[in-house]
Amino acid sequence: MGRPEKARVLRQEIVGLLEKGAISPVGESEQQGGFYSKYFLVPKKDGGTRPILDLRSLNCHLKVLRFHMLRTVHHIQAGDWFTAIDLEDAYFHVPIAPHHRQFLRFAFEGRAYEFRVLPFGIALAPCVFTRCVAAALAPLQVQGLRILPYLDDWLICSRSEALACLDVATVLSHVADLGLRVNYRKSSLVPCQETNFLGIQGYKDTLLVTYIEATPSQARIRNIHQLLGRFRRGRSLTLKSFQRLLGMLTAASSLIPLGLLDLRPLQGWLNDLRLDPALHGHRLVKVTHTCHKLLRPWRRRTYFTRGVPLAAIPSRWEVVTTDASLEGWGRCGSAGRPGAAGVLRPGRQTRSGEDRQLHGGVLHQPPGGHQVPPVLASGPAAVAMGPSSSLQSSGCVFARRRQQGRGSAVSPGP
């Protein structure tokens, strides 16, 4: 896109923002003050462009508040019916205090403007908007509606098709009363028992309808494999590239059986480089033999499609006591369960005692067809098996495991 075309798109966007009341012109007497940021275009997924206010310089002076985002897999129940609502211009529903608007200014073709609403790109936007949405939906959730909001994407879960129609109508009426605008083109208002929410592809098993399976969406898998294609053995990439890949794999790991457990060694390998992302983001890191080997499971497409249950699985607490030597392991269960013992493979004999004990407690579980999530107790040989959020918590042991024979992976840099 040439410069004249970019100017035309920006001009149209500014006209649209003025019509929406999202920005306002700055008077000539006030243009010398305030904080100005760049205004430019970025490509959209659908092939178009989106104007963005570059607030990176301003974000350096803001304190970002921590908050917890939605964990979808913990709220969906077996047999649920789904509808989804997408808000239009979500952040624009949050006004900015008049005395703070001077920090959200930009200039174009000799004229200055400032944002009157929350713009995209500011570090505080996700936290502020999430809190506003929580307050807006609280009255409905108190009534018993299960609404899972993730920024401008809301998933409504209902126990029947008829109730799903009633719930989505209630939410739409409530949204209209609050003055929020709905993007009907991106919303899914017809109830169904399959959903693709936040890159999570959930579907009802046609044979065993007692739970809902969830896998990463095909678009998410495609994006991960596209990035993985750059991680060839011996190639050097920036630390930011490694951080981006690790973030994508971490987000997908909750939808893969034992996904986080498989990811821990890669996290440990990267942490052992002792690089600060803020200071060494552009430092080159070599894809060593060890790194390439740790990425091997994630290169298989079938690894992403095994699926995890979205609905809650009944479970109970059980204490399993384990011990291990350099040659073997043993386990003693409770509630009348028989114990077990075995010989360690050569590869496990060199690992830590905690690792070997967990091997006996987790990877050799009692029969019955149910995986049991472990929680390490105070004693090094005691493992509490119970209804924790995921079996992936067992990866805490592997995060401290050091890989052997890595070699140097960091290239000299500034």
Protein backbone atom coordinates (compact mmCIF):
# COMPACT_ATOMS: atom_id res chain seq x y z
CA MET A 1 0.00 0.00 0.00
CA GLY A 2 1.48 3.32 -1.10
CA ARG A 3 1.65 6.46 0.99
CA PRO A 4 -1.36 8.18 -0.70
CA GLU A 5 -3.47 5.07 -0.10
CA LYS A 6 -2.41 4.90 3.56
CA ALA A 7 -3.26 8.57 4.00
CA ARG A 8 -6.70 7.97 2.49
CA VAL A 9 -7.39 5.04 4.85
CA LEU A 10 -6.24 7.03 7.89
CA ARG A 11 -8.37 9.97 6.81
CA GLN A 12 -11.44 7.75 6.55
CA GLU A 13 -10.72 6.20 9.93
CA ILE A 14 -10.43 9.60 11.60
CA VAL A 15 -13.77 10.64 10.09
CA GLY A 16 -15.31 7.44 11.46
CA LEU A 17 -13.83 8.01 14.92
CA LEU A 18 -15.19 11.56 14.96
CA GLU A 19 -18.66 10.30 14.01
CA LYS A 20 -18.53 7.70 16.81
CA GLY A 21 -17.41 10.32 19.32
CA ALA A 22 -14.25 8.32 20.06
CA ILE A 23 -11.95 11.30 19.38
CA SER A 24 -12.28 15.06 19.36
CA PRO A 25 -10.18 17.86 17.81
CA VAL A 26 -7.71 19.69 20.04
CA GLY A 27 -7.97 23.48 20.09
CA GLU A 28 -5.06 25.45 18.63
CA SER A 29 -4.26 27.00 21.99
CA GLU A 30 -3.83 23.54 23.57
CA GLN A 31 -1.93 21.75 20.80
CA GLN A 32 1.50 22.51 22.25
CA GLY A 33 0.80 20.53 25.41
CA GLY A 34 -0.10 16.92 26.07
CA PHE A 35 1.49 13.63 25.01
CA TYR A 36 1.50 12.74 21.29
CA SER A 37 1.81 9.24 19.83
CA LYS A 38 2.19 7.92 16.30
CA TYR A 39 -0.89 6.86 14.35
CA PHE A 40 -0.34 4.19 11.70
CA LEU A 41 -1.84 1.16 9.93
CA VAL A 42 -1.39 -2.54 10.72
CA PRO A 43 -2.71 -5.48 8.64
CA LYS A 44 -5.80 -7.36 9.81
CA LYS A 45 -6.35 -11.12 9.68
CA ASP A 46 -9.06 -10.73 7.04
CA GLY A 47 -6.69 -8.88 4.73
CA GLY A 48 -7.72 -5.32 5.53
CA THR A 49 -5.92 -2.75 7.67
CA ARG A 50 -6.52 -1.35 11.14
CA PRO A 51 -5.30 2.07 12.32
CA ILE A 52 -3.41 1.82 15.61
CA LEU A 53 -2.26 4.49 18.05
CA ASP A 54 1.32 3.58 18.99
CA LEU A 55 1.26 3.95 22.77
CA ARG A 56 4.46 2.05 23.55
CA SER A 57 6.22 5.18 24.81
CA LEU A 58 3.29 6.05 27.06
CA ASN A 59 3.02 2.46 28.33
CA CYS A 60 6.56 2.72 29.73
CA HIS A 61 5.22 5.23 32.27
CA LEU A 62 2.13 3.24 33.28
CA LYS A 63 1.84 0.72 36.09
CA VAL A 64 0.15 -2.35 34.68
CA LEU A 65 -2.20 -3.94 37.21
CA ARG A 66 -2.30 -7.72 37.38
CA PHE A 67 -5.60 -9.48 36.94
CA HIS A 68 -6.87 -12.97 36.17
CA MET A 69 -8.27 -13.71 32.75
CA LEU A 70 -11.02 -16.25 32.10
CA ARG A 71 -10.23 -19.99 32.32
CA THR A 72 -12.91 -21.39 30.00
CA VAL A 73 -12.29 -25.08 30.61
CA HIS A 74 -13.36 -24.82 34.26
CA HIS A 75 -16.86 -23.43 33.63
CA ILE A 76 -18.33 -25.58 30.84
CA GLN A 77 -20.51 -28.56 31.81
CA ALA A 78 -21.43 -31.72 29.97
CA GLY A 79 -24.45 -31.29 27.70
CA ASP A 80 -24.22 -27.50 27.54
CA TRP A 81 -25.72 -25.46 24.71
CA PHE A 82 -23.75 -22.45 23.55
CA THR A 83 -24.42 -19.00 22.15
CA ALA A 84 -21.85 -16.24 21.71
CA ILE A 85 -21.95 -12.44 21.64
CA ASP A 86 -19.27 -10.18 20.20
CA LEU A 87 -19.17 -6.51 21.15
CA GLU A 88 -18.52 -3.88 18.51
CA ASP A 89 -15.72 -1.38 19.25
CA ALA A 90 -15.45 -2.90 22.71
CA TYR A 91 -12.93 -0.53 24.29
CA PHE A 92 -14.81 2.50 22.98
CA HIS A 93 -17.51 1.84 25.59
CA VAL A 94 -15.13 3.01 28.34
CA PRO A 95 -14.78 6.84 28.54
CA ILE A 96 -11.54 8.59 29.51
CA ALA A 97 -11.56 11.27 32.21
CA PRO A 98 -11.32 14.71 30.53
CA HIS A 99 -8.09 15.68 32.33
CA HIS A 100 -6.40 12.46 31.11
CA ARG A 101 -7.30 12.81 27.43
CA GLN A 102 -4.28 15.04 26.80
CA PHE A 103 -2.07 11.94 27.11
CA LEU A 104 -3.87 10.23 24.21
CA ARG A 105 -3.21 12.71 21.43
CA PHE A 106 -2.05 12.28 17.84
CA ALA A 107 -1.64 14.58 14.86
CA PHE A 108 -2.56 14.04 11.21
CA GLU A 109 -2.30 16.45 8.28
CA GLY A 110 -1.64 19.42 10.54
CA ARG A 111 -4.53 18.80 12.93
CA ALA A 112 -4.39 17.41 16.48
CA TYR A 113 -6.87 14.97 18.01
CA GLU A 114 -7.27 13.23 21.36
CA PHE A 115 -9.13 10.08 22.37
CA ARG A 116 -12.24 10.47 24.50
CA VAL A 117 -12.55 6.70 25.05
CA LEU A 118 -10.23 3.82 25.85
CA PRO A 119 -7.99 3.23 22.79
CA PHE A 120 -6.48 -0.04 21.60
CA GLY A 121 -2.82 -0.40 22.46
CA ILE A 122 -2.74 1.10 25.94
CA ALA A 123 -1.33 -1.32 28.51
CA LEU A 124 -4.18 -0.80 30.98
CA ALA A 125 -6.94 -1.52 28.46
CA PRO A 126 -7.45 -5.30 29.03
CA CYS A 127 -7.53 -4.94 32.82
CA VAL A 128 -9.84 -1.91 32.82
CA PHE A 129 -12.23 -3.37 30.26
CA THR A 130 -12.37 -6.76 31.99
CA ARG A 131 -13.35 -5.08 35.27
CA CYS A 132 -16.02 -3.00 33.54
CA VAL A 133 -17.49 -6.08 31.86
CA ALA A 134 -17.48 -7.97 35.17
CA ALA A 135 -19.51 -5.18 36.78
CA ALA A 136 -21.90 -5.02 33.82
CA LEU A 137 -22.61 -8.77 33.80
CA ALA A 138 -22.74 -9.26 37.56
CA PRO A 139 -26.56 -8.78 37.83
CA LEU A 140 -27.14 -11.51 35.23
CA GLN A 141 -24.65 -13.89 36.79
CA VAL A 142 -26.31 -13.44 40.18
CA GLN A 143 -29.55 -14.63 38.53
CA GLY A 144 -27.78 -17.85 37.52
CA LEU A 145 -26.77 -17.12 33.92
CA ARG A 146 -23.40 -18.63 33.00
CA ILE A 147 -21.67 -15.99 30.89
CA LEU A 148 -17.96 -16.41 30.18
CA PRO A 149 -16.63 -13.00 29.08
CA TYR A 150 -13.21 -12.67 27.49
CA LEU A 151 -12.82 -8.98 26.60
CA ASP A 152 -15.33 -8.44 23.76
CA ASP A 153 -16.11 -12.16 23.22
CA TRP A 154 -18.79 -13.60 25.50
CA LEU A 155 -19.77 -17.27 25.61
CA ILE A 156 -23.18 -18.09 27.12
CA CYS A 157 -23.61 -21.64 28.44
CA SER A 158 -27.09 -23.08 29.02
CA ARG A 159 -28.43 -26.47 30.09
CA SER A 160 -30.91 -26.85 27.21
CA GLU A 161 -31.62 -25.45 23.75
CA ALA A 162 -34.76 -23.66 24.91
CA LEU A 163 -32.94 -22.13 27.87
CA ALA A 164 -30.12 -21.03 25.56
CA CYS A 165 -32.59 -19.02 23.45
CA LEU A 166 -33.99 -17.41 26.59
CA ASP A 167 -30.53 -16.67 28.03
CA VAL A 168 -29.17 -15.00 24.90
CA ALA A 169 -32.33 -12.86 24.62
CA THR A 170 -31.89 -11.81 28.25
CA VAL A 171 -28.25 -10.87 27.68
CA LEU A 172 -29.05 -8.91 24.50
CA SER A 173 -31.77 -6.96 26.32
CA HIS A 174 -29.40 -6.22 29.22
CA VAL A 175 -26.66 -5.13 26.82
CA ALA A 176 -29.05 -2.78 25.01
CA ASP A 177 -30.14 -1.22 28.31
CA LEU A 178 -26.47 -0.51 29.13
CA GLY A 179 -25.90 1.13 25.75
CA LEU A 180 -23.41 -1.49 24.55
CA ARG A 181 -23.22 -2.23 20.83
CA VAL A 182 -23.27 -5.82 19.57
CA ASN A 183 -21.50 -7.01 16.43
CA TYR A 184 -24.23 -9.31 15.11
CA ARG A 185 -22.10 -10.41 12.16
CA LYS A 186 -19.54 -12.02 14.49
CA SER A 187 -22.03 -13.20 17.12
CA SER A 188 -23.54 -16.71 17.20
CA LEU A 189 -27.11 -16.36 18.43
CA VAL A 190 -28.39 -19.79 17.33
CA PRO A 191 -27.85 -22.38 20.11
CA CYS A 192 -25.56 -25.29 19.31
CA GLN A 193 -23.51 -27.90 21.17
CA GLU A 194 -20.28 -27.19 19.35
CA THR A 195 -18.25 -24.03 19.80
CA ASN A 196 -15.04 -22.41 18.67
CA PHE A 197 -14.34 -19.94 21.45
CA LEU A 198 -10.95 -18.22 21.92
CA GLY A 199 -9.20 -20.79 19.75
CA ILE A 200 -10.80 -23.65 21.72
CA GLN A 201 -12.71 -26.06 19.52
CA GLY A 202 -15.27 -27.84 21.70
CA TYR A 203 -17.55 -30.60 20.48
CA LYS A 204 -19.87 -33.21 21.97
CA ASP A 205 -18.69 -36.80 21.66
CA THR A 206 -21.39 -38.60 19.65
CA LEU A 207 -20.75 -41.93 21.39
CA LEU A 208 -19.99 -40.84 24.96
CA VAL A 209 -22.13 -37.77 25.60
CA THR A 210 -21.09 -37.51 29.25
CA TYR A 211 -18.51 -34.84 28.50
CA ILE A 212 -17.35 -32.38 25.86
CA GLU A 213 -13.99 -32.73 24.17
CA ALA A 214 -11.91 -29.62 23.47
CA THR A 215 -8.96 -29.21 21.15
CA PRO A 216 -7.07 -26.18 19.80
CA SER A 217 -8.77 -24.76 16.74
CA GLN A 218 -7.33 -25.51 13.33
CA ALA A 219 -6.36 -21.85 12.93
CA ARG A 220 -4.39 -21.96 16.19
CA ILE A 221 -2.63 -25.20 15.19
CA ARG A 222 -1.78 -23.71 11.81
CA ASN A 223 -0.28 -20.59 13.40
CA ILE A 224 1.83 -22.66 15.81
CA HIS A 225 3.18 -24.90 13.05
CA GLN A 226 3.91 -21.89 10.87
CA LEU A 227 6.05 -20.41 13.64
CA LEU A 228 7.62 -23.78 14.47
CA GLY A 229 8.84 -23.99 10.88
CA ARG A 230 11.36 -21.25 11.66
CA PHE A 231 12.90 -23.23 14.53
CA ARG A 232 15.30 -25.37 12.55
CA ARG A 233 18.28 -26.96 14.26
CA GLY A 234 21.35 -24.72 14.14
CA ARG A 235 19.40 -21.59 13.22
CA SER A 236 19.59 -18.48 15.42
CA LEU A 237 16.44 -16.52 16.27
CA THR A 238 15.78 -13.59 18.58
CA LEU A 239 14.74 -14.19 22.17
CA LYS A 240 11.43 -12.51 21.32
CA SER A 241 10.75 -15.29 18.81
CA PHE A 242 11.35 -17.91 21.49
CA GLN A 243 9.10 -16.03 23.92
CA ARG A 244 6.36 -15.77 21.31
CA LEU A 245 6.51 -19.50 20.57
CA LEU A 246 6.52 -20.34 24.27
CA GLY A 247 3.47 -18.14 24.81
CA MET A 248 1.56 -19.84 21.99
CA LEU A 249 2.45 -23.31 23.26
CA THR A 250 1.53 -22.40 26.84
CA ALA A 251 -1.87 -21.11 25.73
CA ALA A 252 -2.53 -24.33 23.79
CA SER A 253 -1.18 -26.67 26.47
CA SER A 254 -4.37 -26.57 28.54
CA LEU A 255 -6.15 -28.26 25.62
CA ILE A 256 -3.59 -31.08 25.30
CA PRO A 257 -3.39 -34.04 27.69
CA LEU A 258 -0.23 -33.53 29.77
CA GLY A 259 0.59 -30.59 27.50
CA LEU A 260 2.11 -28.39 30.19
CA LEU A 261 4.12 -31.35 31.47
CA ASP A 262 5.69 -31.73 28.02
CA LEU A 263 6.33 -27.99 27.87
CA ARG A 264 8.21 -27.70 31.18
CA PRO A 265 11.58 -28.93 29.84
CA LEU A 266 11.49 -26.29 27.10
CA GLN A 267 10.67 -23.61 29.66
CA GLY A 268 13.56 -24.80 31.82
CA TRP A 269 15.93 -24.79 28.84
CA LEU A 270 15.02 -21.20 28.00
CA ASN A 271 15.14 -20.03 31.63
CA ASP A 272 18.63 -21.48 32.05
CA LEU A 273 19.89 -19.03 29.42
CA ARG A 274 19.31 -16.33 32.08
CA LEU A 275 18.22 -13.69 29.59
CA ASP A 276 15.90 -10.81 30.46
CA PRO A 277 13.20 -10.38 27.76
CA ALA A 278 13.11 -6.63 28.42
CA LEU A 279 16.88 -6.22 27.99
CA HIS A 280 17.78 -9.04 25.61
CA GLY A 281 14.69 -9.27 23.41
CA HIS A 282 16.76 -8.92 20.22
CA ARG A 283 19.60 -11.19 21.39
CA LEU A 284 20.12 -14.14 19.03
CA VAL A 285 19.53 -17.59 20.52
CA LYS A 286 20.60 -20.75 18.72
CA VAL A 287 18.20 -23.65 18.23
CA THR A 288 20.41 -26.35 19.73
CA HIS A 289 19.99 -30.10 19.40
CA THR A 290 18.33 -30.19 22.84
CA CYS A 291 15.90 -27.39 21.97
CA HIS A 292 15.01 -29.02 18.65
CA LYS A 293 14.37 -32.34 20.43
CA LEU A 294 12.11 -30.69 23.04
CA LEU A 295 10.00 -29.20 20.24
CA ARG A 296 9.55 -32.54 18.50
CA PRO A 297 6.15 -33.46 20.03
CA TRP A 298 4.68 -30.08 19.09
CA ARG A 299 5.54 -30.59 15.43
CA ARG A 300 3.10 -33.49 15.14
CA ARG A 301 -0.42 -32.41 14.18
CA THR A 302 -1.92 -35.43 15.95
CA TYR A 303 -0.42 -34.16 19.20
CA PHE A 304 -2.93 -31.28 19.19
CA THR A 305 -6.02 -33.31 18.30
CA ARG A 306 -6.23 -35.78 21.20
CA GLY A 307 -8.57 -33.49 23.13
CA VAL A 308 -9.28 -32.89 26.80
CA PRO A 309 -12.65 -32.97 28.60
CA LEU A 310 -14.16 -29.51 29.02
CA ALA A 311 -16.71 -30.54 31.61
CA ALA A 312 -15.77 -31.30 35.18
CA ILE A 313 -14.73 -34.89 35.89
CA PRO A 314 -15.74 -36.39 39.25
CA SER A 315 -12.69 -37.04 41.39
CA ARG A 316 -11.66 -37.54 44.99
CA TRP A 317 -8.61 -36.97 47.16
CA GLU A 318 -6.18 -39.79 47.73
CA VAL A 319 -2.73 -39.85 49.30
CA VAL A 320 -0.11 -41.99 47.57
CA THR A 321 3.27 -42.48 49.23
CA THR A 322 6.17 -43.15 46.89
CA ASP A 323 9.88 -43.78 47.18
CA ALA A 324 12.64 -44.46 44.70
CA SER A 325 16.26 -45.48 44.55
CA LEU A 326 18.71 -45.30 41.67
CA GLU A 327 17.37 -48.60 40.37
CA GLY A 328 13.65 -48.81 41.14
CA TRP A 329 10.51 -47.17 42.45
CA GLY A 330 7.64 -48.14 44.76
CA ARG A 331 4.18 -46.87 45.58
CA CYS A 332 1.81 -47.48 48.47
CA GLY A 333 -1.77 -46.30 48.00
CA SER A 334 -4.57 -45.62 50.46
CA ALA A 335 -8.19 -46.73 50.70
CA GLY A 336 -7.22 -50.37 50.31
CA ARG A 337 -5.57 -49.92 46.93
CA PRO A 338 -2.69 -52.31 46.28
CA GLY A 339 0.84 -50.99 46.09
CA ALA A 340 3.11 -51.27 43.10
CA ALA A 341 6.80 -51.30 42.25
CA GLY A 342 8.99 -51.31 39.19
CA VAL A 343 12.46 -50.90 37.74
CA LEU A 344 13.58 -47.51 36.45
CA ARG A 345 14.67 -47.21 32.86
CA PRO A 346 18.32 -46.19 32.37
CA GLY A 347 17.30 -42.69 31.32
CA ARG A 348 15.50 -42.03 34.62
CA GLN A 349 18.22 -43.30 36.91
CA THR A 350 20.18 -40.05 36.60
CA ARG A 351 17.25 -37.79 37.48
CA SER A 352 16.52 -36.25 40.86
CA GLY A 353 14.96 -38.26 43.67
CA GLU A 354 11.85 -36.09 43.56
CA ASP A 355 11.49 -36.80 39.86
CA ARG A 356 11.82 -40.56 40.38
CA GLN A 357 9.27 -40.53 43.20
CA LEU A 358 6.76 -38.61 41.11
CA HIS A 359 7.35 -41.09 38.30
CA GLY A 360 6.05 -43.84 40.57
CA GLY A 361 3.06 -41.84 41.73
CA VAL A 362 1.89 -40.29 38.48
CA LEU A 363 2.94 -42.41 35.53
CA HIS A 364 1.98 -45.70 37.24
CA GLN A 365 -1.46 -44.89 38.58
CA PRO A 366 -4.04 -47.37 39.90
CA PRO A 367 -6.25 -49.07 37.31
CA GLY A 368 -9.74 -47.80 36.64
CA GLY A 369 -9.34 -45.56 33.63
CA HIS A 370 -9.00 -42.23 35.47
CA GLN A 371 -5.92 -40.05 35.53
CA VAL A 372 -5.29 -38.56 38.99
CA PRO A 373 -3.87 -35.03 39.27
CA PRO A 374 -0.93 -34.83 41.70
CA VAL A 375 -0.20 -32.16 44.29
CA LEU A 376 3.15 -32.38 46.04
CA ALA A 377 2.77 -32.49 49.82
CA SER A 378 5.26 -31.30 52.43
CA GLY A 379 7.14 -34.59 52.56
CA PRO A 380 9.33 -35.40 49.57
CA ALA A 381 7.88 -38.91 49.32
CA ALA A 382 4.20 -37.98 49.67
CA VAL A 383 2.02 -37.12 46.71
CA ALA A 384 -1.58 -36.00 47.25
CA MET A 385 -3.74 -37.17 44.38
CA GLY A 386 -6.96 -35.21 43.97
CA PRO A 387 -9.21 -32.84 42.05
CA SER A 388 -6.72 -30.12 41.16
CA SER A 389 -7.28 -28.08 38.04
CA SER A 390 -5.20 -30.25 35.75
CA LEU A 391 -2.80 -33.13 35.64
CA GLN A 392 -0.34 -30.65 34.19
CA SER A 393 0.57 -29.44 37.67
CA SER A 394 2.99 -32.36 37.87
CA GLY A 395 5.28 -30.35 35.64
CA CYS A 396 6.55 -28.40 38.67
CA VAL A 397 9.17 -31.09 39.21
CA PHE A 398 10.36 -31.06 35.64
CA ALA A 399 10.74 -27.27 35.66
CA ARG A 400 13.72 -27.69 37.98
CA ARG A 401 15.30 -30.44 35.93
CA ARG A 402 18.48 -29.43 34.16
CA GLN A 403 19.19 -30.77 30.71
CA GLN A 404 22.57 -32.34 30.10
CA GLY A 405 24.91 -31.51 27.23
CA ARG A 406 23.17 -28.38 26.00
CA GLY A 407 26.15 -26.31 24.98
CA SER A 408 25.99 -22.57 24.51
CA ALA A 409 22.84 -21.33 22.77
CA VAL A 410 23.25 -17.58 23.13
CA SER A 411 25.02 -15.52 20.52
CA PRO A 412 26.90 -12.39 21.56
CA GLY A 413 24.79 -9.29 21.30
CA PRO A 414 24.45 -5.74 22.53
